[in-house]
Amino acid sequence: MSAIGQADNIGDSALRREYLNALRGVTDVVHVFVADHTQDYIDGLGLKRTDRTYSSSRKWISTLIRMTFRGRSSFAFNAGETQPTKRRLVFWIASGVCIVAMRAGGGKGVHAGVGLRSPIPDASTKLMRFALSSSNIVTWRDHKSALAVGRGKVRPDWAFGAGTPSDDLLDDSAEGSRRYLTITMRFDRPLPNEGWIASIVEFASQQNLEMVLIAQVERDIDRCNELSVMLGGVPVVQWSSRNHAAVETETRHIYKQSAAVVSDRLHALVFAATEGAVPIGYSTGDPEKLERTLEAAGLSGVAFGQETTPVQNATEKMGSIMSRRVEIAANVISARVALKELEREITG
């Protein structure tokens, strides 16, 4: 399996960690391609001593070819967001050929937890469907990606499997200690407008919450600093290091103290929901990716955009989403059940 993700994005390492955990039931040894990622990123993958990592694509592919002709070897495609570029299509088709041989020897081909950046049916998605034709397990993290390719089922993003244990998500005893409205926004989206700022301030006041800013992706820190000024000096939680395991722990600690998390970062909203905070996808751009990916986990109606939502409506919308805390927690638990079923399908 390739576990390549964004080097400063703890969501990328977290979802692949959950995926790797599911794959370990297939084999005693997982051969993981990490490319030029540093140990900081690799630590977020939660690798085991039996796993073997490869920074050289040549050595990893050589191992893939060698394992293809050994009994009961399996191949797993990377999870997360992707797009069928020419280079990826060549690799996927070649991998599909290997999977044919692996399945003949009792192995499997697994493509699970993937979402297309632009889920539009075209010639490239037809080639992707062909490349995946030899895989016996194909799932997507949203319906539009599944429809675009025309093959596979829909299951929640792997990151829903992490976080606070399900038995504790519906526990109301800690609600009084959730004093924060945590805000984390993407650096590569439009700056929030005055209406966005006004609605956030009003919502925090209505809910009697302290605002705090955090960067779930390191590149978002400048946006946090901009928002701090726009919101009148709201404190910014800085990364203590670049180690994904450490930063994820710190981020989740903030979310556990948060009544709600406002973000246009998909995995900030997923992390929030898995820690019992209410996810509010108040985007400054198009919330389409948030909508389709969260809907696959049963979290519909929690994402909306500033351009189509007046200030008063946005405040009311956030209040309405807040009232759904128990429903959202129950849907997270259901998402985890679906992921466990997928894991059993992979390992069965």
Foldseek 3Di string as FASTA:
>chain_A
DELEDDQQFLLSLLLQLLVVVLQCLQDVEAEYEHAPHDVLSVVSSVDDPRYHYDNDPVVSVVVLVVCLQDAADEEEDYAEEDAQDVVVLVVLQVVLVSLLSHVVRVYFYHYDHYDYPDLAADPSLCSVLVSCVSGPAHEYLFDSNCVNNVDHYHAARSSLQDADDLVCLLDCPCVVQQAEAEEEEDPPFDQDDPLVLVLVVVLCVVVNHQYEYEYSGQVRVVSSVVVCVVNPNHYYDHDPDSRSVVSLVVLLVNLLSHQEYEYLDQVNQSSNLRSLHQYADEAQDDSVVNQRSVVSLVPHQRHDYPVVAGNVRSNVSVVVSSVCSNVSSVSSVVSNVRVVVSSVVNSD
